[in-house]
Amino acid sequence: MMKVIVAGLPKTGTKSMTMALRKLGYTVYDYMENLYYLEGEWELIFKGMVSKELFHKMYDKLDAVVDIPACYFWEDIHKAFPDSKVILTVRDSEELWLKSLLYHMQRLDGLILVRIMQFLEILTNRQTAILFSLSWKYTLGIERTVWRRRSFLDEDMLLMKYRNHNSRVIQNVSTNKLLVFNCKDGWDPLCKFLEKQVPDEPFPHVNIHSDIMDTAPRLPLARQYQKEVACSALLLFLKYSILIYIVYCIISFFTSFI
């Protein structure tokens, strides 16, 4: 049963929060788990089929969700699990958040592997990388496509999205169920809020300079997905190659009588 909804936007310490919650014993779905294991469900949601029943089906056996696309739909998830607690991760200032986000998007735009995966998905009818791009569009209005070399970034709009998102969370979650949290605050406020014992180790700080770009493609789940899409693309290529060869043989057979 869903216990914790991390409503903070990307680049507010979501990867650190994911690791922290896992160290506290929670089963967590970050963006990668969401879009890989729940690909079909998120496809329905992005088509407008949002419902309590669907979120119950998706998250009934999970403890926590973090990052996109769940942070955009935090309110719908909270309605489906009204007893869950909400953590709003924030940065020291909105200017620091924007700077971090812009750098992250610059690095993301430079990942050729992401473009290749999106192109292969179009051929193989998979949706994960496409849903990843849709998550950015819904959450922050960032346009990312397989054909666009750079993401379209409107800095004023991004700051407005950050302010409005945080304000909506603060205004709509009761104070006893909400923690506004900066990862610099460490274990104490988080563990007090979740009624957990403070671990005997430092609070995790990861993806400080978007270094997840270097490690994410090598994670087991990412490798599994890359393998599945590549195999599907190869089978599709072989299928059409055989079809083309058969057509060629038929044409050659009949033209030999002319």
C-alpha atoms as a PDB file:
ATOM      1  CA  MET A   1       0.000   0.000   0.000  1.00  0.00           C
ATOM      2  CA  MET A   2       1.323   3.423  -0.974  1.00  0.00           C
ATOM      3  CA  LYS A   3       2.820   5.163   2.067  1.00  0.00           C
ATOM      4  CA  VAL A   4       4.935   8.017   0.656  1.00  0.00           C
ATOM      5  CA  ILE A   5       4.428  10.267  -2.364  1.00  0.00           C
ATOM      6  CA  VAL A   6       7.466  12.388  -3.208  1.00  0.00           C
ATOM      7  CA  ALA A   7       5.886  15.335  -5.026  1.00  0.00           C
ATOM      8  CA  GLY A   8       9.110  17.268  -5.631  1.00  0.00           C
ATOM      9  CA  LEU A   9      10.015  18.155  -9.189  1.00  0.00           C
ATOM     10  CA  PRO A  10      13.111  16.780 -10.954  1.00  0.00           C
ATOM     11  CA  LYS A  11      16.431  18.244  -9.765  1.00  0.00           C
ATOM     12  CA  THR A  12      15.218  18.764  -6.200  1.00  0.00           C
ATOM     13  CA  GLY A  13      17.110  15.791  -4.801  1.00  0.00           C
ATOM     14  CA  THR A  14      14.790  13.077  -6.073  1.00  0.00           C
ATOM     15  CA  LYS A  15      17.568  10.531  -6.646  1.00  0.00           C
ATOM     16  CA  SER A  16      18.922  11.137  -3.147  1.00  0.00           C
ATOM     17  CA  MET A  17      15.395  10.746  -1.786  1.00  0.00           C
ATOM     18  CA  THR A  18      14.926   7.474  -3.672  1.00  0.00           C
ATOM     19  CA  MET A  19      18.081   6.065  -2.124  1.00  0.00           C
ATOM     20  CA  ALA A  20      17.160   7.385   1.332  1.00  0.00           C
ATOM     21  CA  LEU A  21      13.690   5.808   1.254  1.00  0.00           C
ATOM     22  CA  ARG A  22      15.150   2.487   0.128  1.00  0.00           C
ATOM     23  CA  LYS A  23      17.623   2.605   3.009  1.00  0.00           C
ATOM     24  CA  LEU A  24      14.638   3.106   5.329  1.00  0.00           C
ATOM     25  CA  GLY A  25      13.085  -0.090   3.974  1.00  0.00           C
ATOM     26  CA  TYR A  26      10.564   1.280   1.486  1.00  0.00           C
ATOM     27  CA  THR A  27       9.849  -0.287  -1.903  1.00  0.00           C
ATOM     28  CA  VAL A  28      10.277   2.668  -4.259  1.00  0.00           C
ATOM     29  CA  TYR A  29       9.445   3.278  -7.900  1.00  0.00           C
ATOM     30  CA  ASP A  30      11.549   6.052  -9.435  1.00  0.00           C
ATOM     31  CA  TYR A  31      10.997   7.213 -13.025  1.00  0.00           C
ATOM     32  CA  MET A  32      12.782   4.205 -14.509  1.00  0.00           C
ATOM     33  CA  GLU A  33      10.703   1.603 -12.657  1.00  0.00           C
ATOM     34  CA  ASN A  34       7.503   3.536 -13.367  1.00  0.00           C
ATOM     35  CA  LEU A  35       8.028   3.724 -17.098  1.00  0.00           C
ATOM     36  CA  TYR A  36       9.428   0.204 -17.485  1.00  0.00           C
ATOM     37  CA  TYR A  37       7.135  -1.888 -15.292  1.00  0.00           C
ATOM     38  CA  LEU A  38       4.035   0.303 -15.738  1.00  0.00           C
ATOM     39  CA  GLU A  39       4.494   1.281 -19.378  1.00  0.00           C
ATOM     40  CA  GLY A  40       0.956   0.320 -20.407  1.00  0.00           C
ATOM     41  CA  GLU A  41      -0.673   2.054 -17.446  1.00  0.00           C
ATOM     42  CA  TRP A  42       1.207   5.305 -18.008  1.00  0.00           C
ATOM     43  CA  GLU A  43       0.292   5.214 -21.678  1.00  0.00           C
ATOM     44  CA  LEU A  44      -3.366   5.172 -20.611  1.00  0.00           C
ATOM     45  CA  ILE A  45      -2.816   7.993 -18.124  1.00  0.00           C
ATOM     46  CA  PHE A  46      -1.178  10.214 -20.731  1.00  0.00           C
ATOM     47  CA  LYS A  47      -4.205   9.574 -22.926  1.00  0.00           C
ATOM     48  CA  GLY A  48      -6.384  11.067 -20.173  1.00  0.00           C
ATOM     49  CA  MET A  49      -7.594   7.845 -18.548  1.00  0.00           C
ATOM     50  CA  VAL A  50      -6.737   8.907 -14.978  1.00  0.00           C
ATOM     51  CA  SER A  51      -8.632   7.143 -12.204  1.00  0.00           C
ATOM     52  CA  LYS A  52      -8.286   6.047  -8.587  1.00  0.00           C
ATOM     53  CA  GLU A  53      -8.803   2.454  -9.688  1.00  0.00           C
ATOM     54  CA  LEU A  54      -5.874   2.598 -12.100  1.00  0.00           C
ATOM     55  CA  PHE A  55      -3.509   4.090  -9.518  1.00  0.00           C
ATOM     56  CA  HIS A  56      -4.647   1.464  -6.995  1.00  0.00           C
ATOM     57  CA  LYS A  57      -3.797  -1.247  -9.503  1.00  0.00           C
ATOM     58  CA  MET A  58      -0.390   0.324 -10.169  1.00  0.00           C
ATOM     59  CA  TYR A  59       0.708   1.091  -6.636  1.00  0.00           C
ATOM     60  CA  ASP A  60      -1.176  -1.181  -4.265  1.00  0.00           C
ATOM     61  CA  LYS A  61       1.942  -3.263  -3.555  1.00  0.00           C
ATOM     62  CA  LEU A  62       4.411  -0.340  -3.450  1.00  0.00           C
ATOM     63  CA  ASP A  63       5.491   1.924  -0.617  1.00  0.00           C
ATOM     64  CA  ALA A  64       6.676   5.067  -2.393  1.00  0.00           C
ATOM     65  CA  VAL A  65       6.941   6.898  -5.714  1.00  0.00           C
ATOM     66  CA  VAL A  66       9.502   9.518  -6.713  1.00  0.00           C
ATOM     67  CA  ASP A  67      10.228  11.799  -9.700  1.00  0.00           C
ATOM     68  CA  ILE A  68       8.477  12.078 -13.061  1.00  0.00           C
ATOM     69  CA  PRO A  69       5.864  11.237 -14.092  1.00  0.00           C
ATOM     70  CA  ALA A  70       4.426  10.483 -10.619  1.00  0.00           C
ATOM     71  CA  CYS A  71       5.322  13.913  -9.193  1.00  0.00           C
ATOM     72  CA  TYR A  72       3.055  15.581 -11.772  1.00  0.00           C
ATOM     73  CA  PHE A  73       0.149  13.301 -10.833  1.00  0.00           C
ATOM     74  CA  TRP A  74       0.849  13.477  -7.083  1.00  0.00           C
ATOM     75  CA  GLU A  75      -2.645  14.799  -6.332  1.00  0.00           C
ATOM     76  CA  ASP A  76      -4.407  11.974  -8.180  1.00  0.00           C
ATOM     77  CA  ILE A  77      -2.186   9.418  -6.445  1.00  0.00           C
ATOM     78  CA  HIS A  78      -2.910  11.008  -3.071  1.00  0.00           C
ATOM     79  CA  LYS A  79      -6.657  10.820  -3.733  1.00  0.00           C
ATOM     80  CA  ALA A  80      -6.231   7.121  -4.460  1.00  0.00           C
ATOM     81  CA  PHE A  81      -4.183   6.682  -1.259  1.00  0.00           C
ATOM     82  CA  PRO A  82      -5.444   9.383   1.146  1.00  0.00           C
ATOM     83  CA  ASP A  83      -3.523   7.957   4.115  1.00  0.00           C
ATOM     84  CA  SER A  84      -0.168   8.341   2.365  1.00  0.00           C
ATOM     85  CA  LYS A  85       2.268  11.062   3.386  1.00  0.00           C
ATOM     86  CA  VAL A  86       3.606  13.649   0.932  1.00  0.00           C
ATOM     87  CA  ILE A  87       7.200  14.869   0.758  1.00  0.00           C
ATOM     88  CA  LEU A  88       7.902  18.009  -1.242  1.00  0.00           C
ATOM     89  CA  THR A  89      11.602  18.094  -2.055  1.00  0.00           C
ATOM     90  CA  VAL A  90      12.965  21.594  -2.703  1.00  0.00           C
ATOM     91  CA  ARG A  91      16.259  23.379  -3.400  1.00  0.00           C
ATOM     92  CA  ASP A  92      17.834  26.291  -1.507  1.00  0.00           C
ATOM     93  CA  SER A  93      16.407  28.675  -4.096  1.00  0.00           C
ATOM     94  CA  GLU A  94      14.480  28.548  -7.336  1.00  0.00           C
ATOM     95  CA  GLU A  95      17.514  30.009  -9.136  1.00  0.00           C
ATOM     96  CA  LEU A  96      19.673  27.070  -8.029  1.00  0.00           C
ATOM     97  CA  TRP A  97      16.951  24.670  -9.137  1.00  0.00           C
ATOM     98  CA  LEU A  98      16.736  26.299 -12.582  1.00  0.00           C
ATOM     99  CA  LYS A  99      20.498  26.248 -13.043  1.00  0.00           C
ATOM    100  CA  SER A 100      20.606  22.562 -12.136  1.00  0.00           C
ATOM    101  CA  LEU A 101      17.696  21.732 -14.431  1.00  0.00           C
ATOM    102  CA  LEU A 102      19.187  23.575 -17.417  1.00  0.00           C
ATOM    103  CA  TYR A 103      22.473  21.729 -17.007  1.00  0.00           C
ATOM    104  CA  HIS A 104      20.613  18.426 -16.687  1.00  0.00           C
ATOM    105  CA  MET A 105      18.655  19.037 -19.895  1.00  0.00           C
ATOM    106  CA  GLN A 106      21.828  20.055 -21.712  1.00  0.00           C
ATOM    107  CA  ARG A 107      23.418  16.742 -20.786  1.00  0.00           C
ATOM    108  CA  LEU A 108      20.238  14.814 -21.606  1.00  0.00           C
ATOM    109  CA  ASP A 109      20.094  16.401 -25.064  1.00  0.00           C
ATOM    110  CA  GLY A 110      23.625  15.182 -25.687  1.00  0.00           C
ATOM    111  CA  LEU A 111      22.825  11.519 -25.033  1.00  0.00           C
ATOM    112  CA  ILE A 112      22.774   9.866 -28.451  1.00  0.00           C
ATOM    113  CA  LEU A 113      21.585   6.598 -26.882  1.00  0.00           C
ATOM    114  CA  VAL A 114      18.294   8.230 -25.842  1.00  0.00           C
ATOM    115  CA  ARG A 115      17.662   9.402 -29.423  1.00  0.00           C
ATOM    116  CA  ILE A 116      18.450   5.962 -30.793  1.00  0.00           C
ATOM    117  CA  MET A 117      16.110   4.300 -28.295  1.00  0.00           C
ATOM    118  CA  GLN A 118      13.298   6.702 -29.175  1.00  0.00           C
ATOM    119  CA  PHE A 119      13.762   5.975 -32.886  1.00  0.00           C
ATOM    120  CA  LEU A 120      13.790   2.214 -32.302  1.00  0.00           C
ATOM    121  CA  GLU A 121      10.669   2.524 -30.143  1.00  0.00           C
ATOM    122  CA  ILE A 122       8.832   4.114 -33.059  1.00  0.00           C
ATOM    123  CA  LEU A 123       9.716   1.064 -35.149  1.00  0.00           C
ATOM    124  CA  THR A 124       8.905  -1.522 -32.455  1.00  0.00           C
ATOM    125  CA  ASN A 125       5.805   0.076 -30.905  1.00  0.00           C
ATOM    126  CA  ARG A 126       7.386   0.444 -27.447  1.00  0.00           C
ATOM    127  CA  GLN A 127       6.633   3.538 -25.396  1.00  0.00           C
ATOM    128  CA  THR A 128       9.077   3.948 -22.498  1.00  0.00           C
ATOM    129  CA  ALA A 129      11.402   6.633 -23.927  1.00  0.00           C
ATOM    130  CA  ILE A 130       8.413   8.382 -25.533  1.00  0.00           C
ATOM    131  CA  LEU A 131       6.593   8.391 -22.173  1.00  0.00           C
ATOM    132  CA  PHE A 132       9.770   9.796 -20.613  1.00  0.00           C
ATOM    133  CA  SER A 133       9.594  12.741 -23.041  1.00  0.00           C
ATOM    134  CA  LEU A 134       5.872  13.165 -22.353  1.00  0.00           C
ATOM    135  CA  SER A 135       6.638  13.261 -18.633  1.00  0.00           C
ATOM    136  CA  TRP A 136       8.909  16.267 -19.149  1.00  0.00           C
ATOM    137  CA  LYS A 137       6.275  17.965 -21.300  1.00  0.00           C
ATOM    138  CA  TYR A 138       3.431  17.460 -18.823  1.00  0.00           C
ATOM    139  CA  THR A 139       5.474  18.314 -15.741  1.00  0.00           C
ATOM    140  CA  LEU A 140       7.530  21.295 -16.912  1.00  0.00           C
ATOM    141  CA  GLY A 141       6.389  22.059 -20.460  1.00  0.00           C
ATOM    142  CA  ILE A 142       9.722  20.880 -21.902  1.00  0.00           C
ATOM    143  CA  GLU A 143       9.426  19.690 -25.498  1.00  0.00           C
ATOM    144  CA  ARG A 144      11.688  16.726 -26.271  1.00  0.00           C
ATOM    145  CA  THR A 145      11.352  14.691 -29.470  1.00  0.00           C
ATOM    146  CA  VAL A 146      13.540  12.251 -31.358  1.00  0.00           C
ATOM    147  CA  TRP A 147      13.954  14.786 -34.174  1.00  0.00           C
ATOM    148  CA  ARG A 148      14.636  17.912 -32.081  1.00  0.00           C
ATOM    149  CA  ARG A 149      18.344  18.302 -31.368  1.00  0.00           C
ATOM    150  CA  ARG A 150      17.819  20.520 -28.308  1.00  0.00           C
ATOM    151  CA  SER A 151      14.950  20.726 -25.839  1.00  0.00           C
ATOM    152  CA  PHE A 152      12.869  23.882 -25.942  1.00  0.00           C
ATOM    153  CA  LEU A 153      13.445  25.652 -22.612  1.00  0.00           C
ATOM    154  CA  ASP A 154      11.597  28.794 -21.514  1.00  0.00           C
ATOM    155  CA  GLU A 155      13.317  29.858 -18.285  1.00  0.00           C
ATOM    156  CA  ASP A 156      10.503  32.152 -17.109  1.00  0.00           C
ATOM    157  CA  MET A 157       7.946  29.409 -17.706  1.00  0.00           C
ATOM    158  CA  LEU A 158      10.106  26.869 -15.854  1.00  0.00           C
ATOM    159  CA  LEU A 159      10.361  29.132 -12.800  1.00  0.00           C
ATOM    160  CA  MET A 160       6.617  29.699 -12.893  1.00  0.00           C
ATOM    161  CA  LYS A 161       6.037  25.914 -13.080  1.00  0.00           C
ATOM    162  CA  TYR A 162       8.332  25.402 -10.083  1.00  0.00           C
ATOM    163  CA  ARG A 163       6.559  28.043  -7.984  1.00  0.00           C
ATOM    164  CA  ASN A 164       3.058  26.943  -8.936  1.00  0.00           C
ATOM    165  CA  HIS A 165       3.780  23.258  -8.379  1.00  0.00           C
ATOM    166  CA  ASN A 166       5.275  23.792  -4.940  1.00  0.00           C
ATOM    167  CA  SER A 167       2.513  26.200  -3.914  1.00  0.00           C
ATOM    168  CA  ARG A 168      -0.190  23.757  -4.975  1.00  0.00           C
ATOM    169  CA  VAL A 169       1.340  20.951  -2.933  1.00  0.00           C
ATOM    170  CA  ILE A 170       1.726  23.135   0.164  1.00  0.00           C
ATOM    171  CA  GLN A 171      -1.801  24.523  -0.113  1.00  0.00           C
ATOM    172  CA  ASN A 172      -3.552  21.216  -0.732  1.00  0.00           C
ATOM    173  CA  VAL A 173      -1.886  18.784   1.673  1.00  0.00           C
ATOM    174  CA  SER A 174      -2.693  18.929   5.374  1.00  0.00           C
ATOM    175  CA  THR A 175       0.280  19.939   7.506  1.00  0.00           C
ATOM    176  CA  ASN A 176       0.330  16.648   9.422  1.00  0.00           C
ATOM    177  CA  LYS A 177       0.813  14.742   6.160  1.00  0.00           C
ATOM    178  CA  LEU A 178       3.302  17.074   4.463  1.00  0.00           C
ATOM    179  CA  LEU A 179       7.060  17.477   4.802  1.00  0.00           C
ATOM    180  CA  VAL A 180       8.819  20.219   2.838  1.00  0.00           C
ATOM    181  CA  PHE A 181      12.314  18.776   2.653  1.00  0.00           C
ATOM    182  CA  ASN A 182      15.743  19.872   1.482  1.00  0.00           C
ATOM    183  CA  CYS A 183      18.209  16.995   1.228  1.00  0.00           C
ATOM    184  CA  LYS A 184      20.723  19.179   3.064  1.00  0.00           C
ATOM    185  CA  ASP A 185      18.514  18.750   6.155  1.00  0.00           C
ATOM    186  CA  GLY A 186      19.644  15.118   6.420  1.00  0.00           C
ATOM    187  CA  TRP A 187      18.004  12.175   8.168  1.00  0.00           C
ATOM    188  CA  ASP A 188      16.485  13.816  11.262  1.00  0.00           C
ATOM    189  CA  PRO A 189      13.429  15.635   9.836  1.00  0.00           C
ATOM    190  CA  LEU A 190      12.761  12.860   7.335  1.00  0.00           C
ATOM    191  CA  CYS A 191      12.882  10.047   9.901  1.00  0.00           C
ATOM    192  CA  LYS A 192      10.819  12.039  12.393  1.00  0.00           C
ATOM    193  CA  PHE A 193       8.151  12.619   9.732  1.00  0.00           C
ATOM    194  CA  LEU A 194       8.109   8.963   8.671  1.00  0.00           C
ATOM    195  CA  GLU A 195       8.463   7.680  12.243  1.00  0.00           C
ATOM    196  CA  LYS A 196      11.602   5.733  11.378  1.00  0.00           C
ATOM    197  CA  GLN A 197      14.846   5.228  13.237  1.00  0.00           C
ATOM    198  CA  VAL A 198      17.726   7.359  11.990  1.00  0.00           C
ATOM    199  CA  PRO A 199      20.220   5.144  10.075  1.00  0.00           C
ATOM    200  CA  ASP A 200      23.778   4.958  11.329  1.00  0.00           C
ATOM    201  CA  GLU A 201      25.215   6.303   8.073  1.00  0.00           C
ATOM    202  CA  PRO A 202      25.321   9.642   6.229  1.00  0.00           C
ATOM    203  CA  PHE A 203      22.298  10.807   4.272  1.00  0.00           C
ATOM    204  CA  PRO A 204      22.806   9.866   0.594  1.00  0.00           C
ATOM    205  CA  HIS A 205      23.625  12.631  -1.861  1.00  0.00           C
ATOM    206  CA  VAL A 206      23.620  11.376  -5.445  1.00  0.00           C
ATOM    207  CA  ASN A 207      23.283  12.819  -8.952  1.00  0.00           C
ATOM    208  CA  ILE A 208      24.868  16.058  -7.755  1.00  0.00           C
ATOM    209  CA  HIS A 209      25.993  17.166 -11.221  1.00  0.00           C
ATOM    210  CA  SER A 210      23.590  15.012 -13.254  1.00  0.00           C
ATOM    211  CA  ASP A 211      26.140  12.201 -13.077  1.00  0.00           C
ATOM    212  CA  ILE A 212      23.249   9.755 -13.383  1.00  0.00           C
ATOM    213  CA  MET A 213      23.597  10.379 -17.133  1.00  0.00           C
ATOM    214  CA  ASP A 214      26.808   8.377 -16.988  1.00  0.00           C
ATOM    215  CA  THR A 215      25.508   5.544 -14.799  1.00  0.00           C
ATOM    216  CA  ALA A 216      21.821   5.150 -15.747  1.00  0.00           C
ATOM    217  CA  PRO A 217      22.414   3.434 -19.131  1.00  0.00           C
ATOM    218  CA  ARG A 218      24.442   0.769 -17.309  1.00  0.00           C
ATOM    219  CA  LEU A 219      21.830   0.013 -14.652  1.00  0.00           C
ATOM    220  CA  PRO A 220      20.326  -3.510 -14.901  1.00  0.00           C
ATOM    221  CA  LEU A 221      16.835  -2.233 -15.685  1.00  0.00           C
ATOM    222  CA  ALA A 222      18.105   0.123 -18.396  1.00  0.00           C
ATOM    223  CA  ARG A 223      20.257  -2.620 -19.942  1.00  0.00           C
ATOM    224  CA  GLN A 224      17.287  -4.989 -19.947  1.00  0.00           C
ATOM    225  CA  TYR A 225      15.128  -2.451 -21.739  1.00  0.00           C
ATOM    226  CA  GLN A 226      17.836  -1.634 -24.279  1.00  0.00           C
ATOM    227  CA  LYS A 227      18.221  -5.341 -24.994  1.00  0.00           C
ATOM    228  CA  GLU A 228      14.462  -5.832 -25.445  1.00  0.00           C
ATOM    229  CA  VAL A 229      14.097  -2.905 -27.849  1.00  0.00           C
ATOM    230  CA  ALA A 230      17.214  -3.881 -29.814  1.00  0.00           C
ATOM    231  CA  CYS A 231      15.986  -7.480 -30.169  1.00  0.00           C
ATOM    232  CA  SER A 232      12.564  -6.275 -31.295  1.00  0.00           C
ATOM    233  CA  ALA A 233      14.154  -3.959 -33.838  1.00  0.00           C
ATOM    234  CA  LEU A 234      16.369  -6.793 -35.129  1.00  0.00           C
ATOM    235  CA  LEU A 235      13.400  -9.144 -35.498  1.00  0.00           C
ATOM    236  CA  LEU A 236      11.485  -6.414 -37.324  1.00  0.00           C
ATOM    237  CA  PHE A 237      14.441  -5.885 -39.671  1.00  0.00           C
ATOM    238  CA  LEU A 238      14.711  -9.635 -40.372  1.00  0.00           C
ATOM    239  CA  LYS A 239      10.958  -9.872 -40.948  1.00  0.00           C
ATOM    240  CA  TYR A 240      10.956  -7.137 -43.587  1.00  0.00           C
ATOM    241  CA  SER A 241      14.215  -8.363 -45.109  1.00  0.00           C
ATOM    242  CA  ILE A 242      12.653 -11.802 -45.636  1.00  0.00           C
ATOM    243  CA  LEU A 243       9.494 -10.219 -47.019  1.00  0.00           C
ATOM    244  CA  ILE A 244      11.503  -8.093 -49.461  1.00  0.00           C
ATOM    245  CA  TYR A 245      13.515 -11.133 -50.509  1.00  0.00           C
ATOM    246  CA  ILE A 246      10.342 -13.167 -51.156  1.00  0.00           C
ATOM    247  CA  VAL A 247       8.878 -10.349 -53.265  1.00  0.00           C
ATOM    248  CA  TYR A 248      12.157 -10.096 -55.161  1.00  0.00           C
ATOM    249  CA  CYS A 249      12.147 -13.847 -55.862  1.00  0.00           C
ATOM    250  CA  ILE A 250       8.530 -13.754 -57.078  1.00  0.00           C
ATOM    251  CA  ILE A 251       9.251 -10.816 -59.388  1.00  0.00           C
ATOM    252  CA  SER A 252      12.416 -12.514 -60.687  1.00  0.00           C
ATOM    253  CA  PHE A 253      10.487 -15.743 -61.324  1.00  0.00           C
ATOM    254  CA  PHE A 254       7.806 -14.078 -63.444  1.00  0.00           C
ATOM    255  CA  THR A 255      10.173 -11.742 -65.298  1.00  0.00           C
ATOM    256  CA  SER A 256      12.277 -14.764 -66.370  1.00  0.00           C
ATOM    257  CA  PHE A 257       9.437 -15.760 -68.707  1.00  0.00           C
ATOM    258  CA  ILE A 258       9.341 -12.403 -70.417  1.00  0.00           C
END
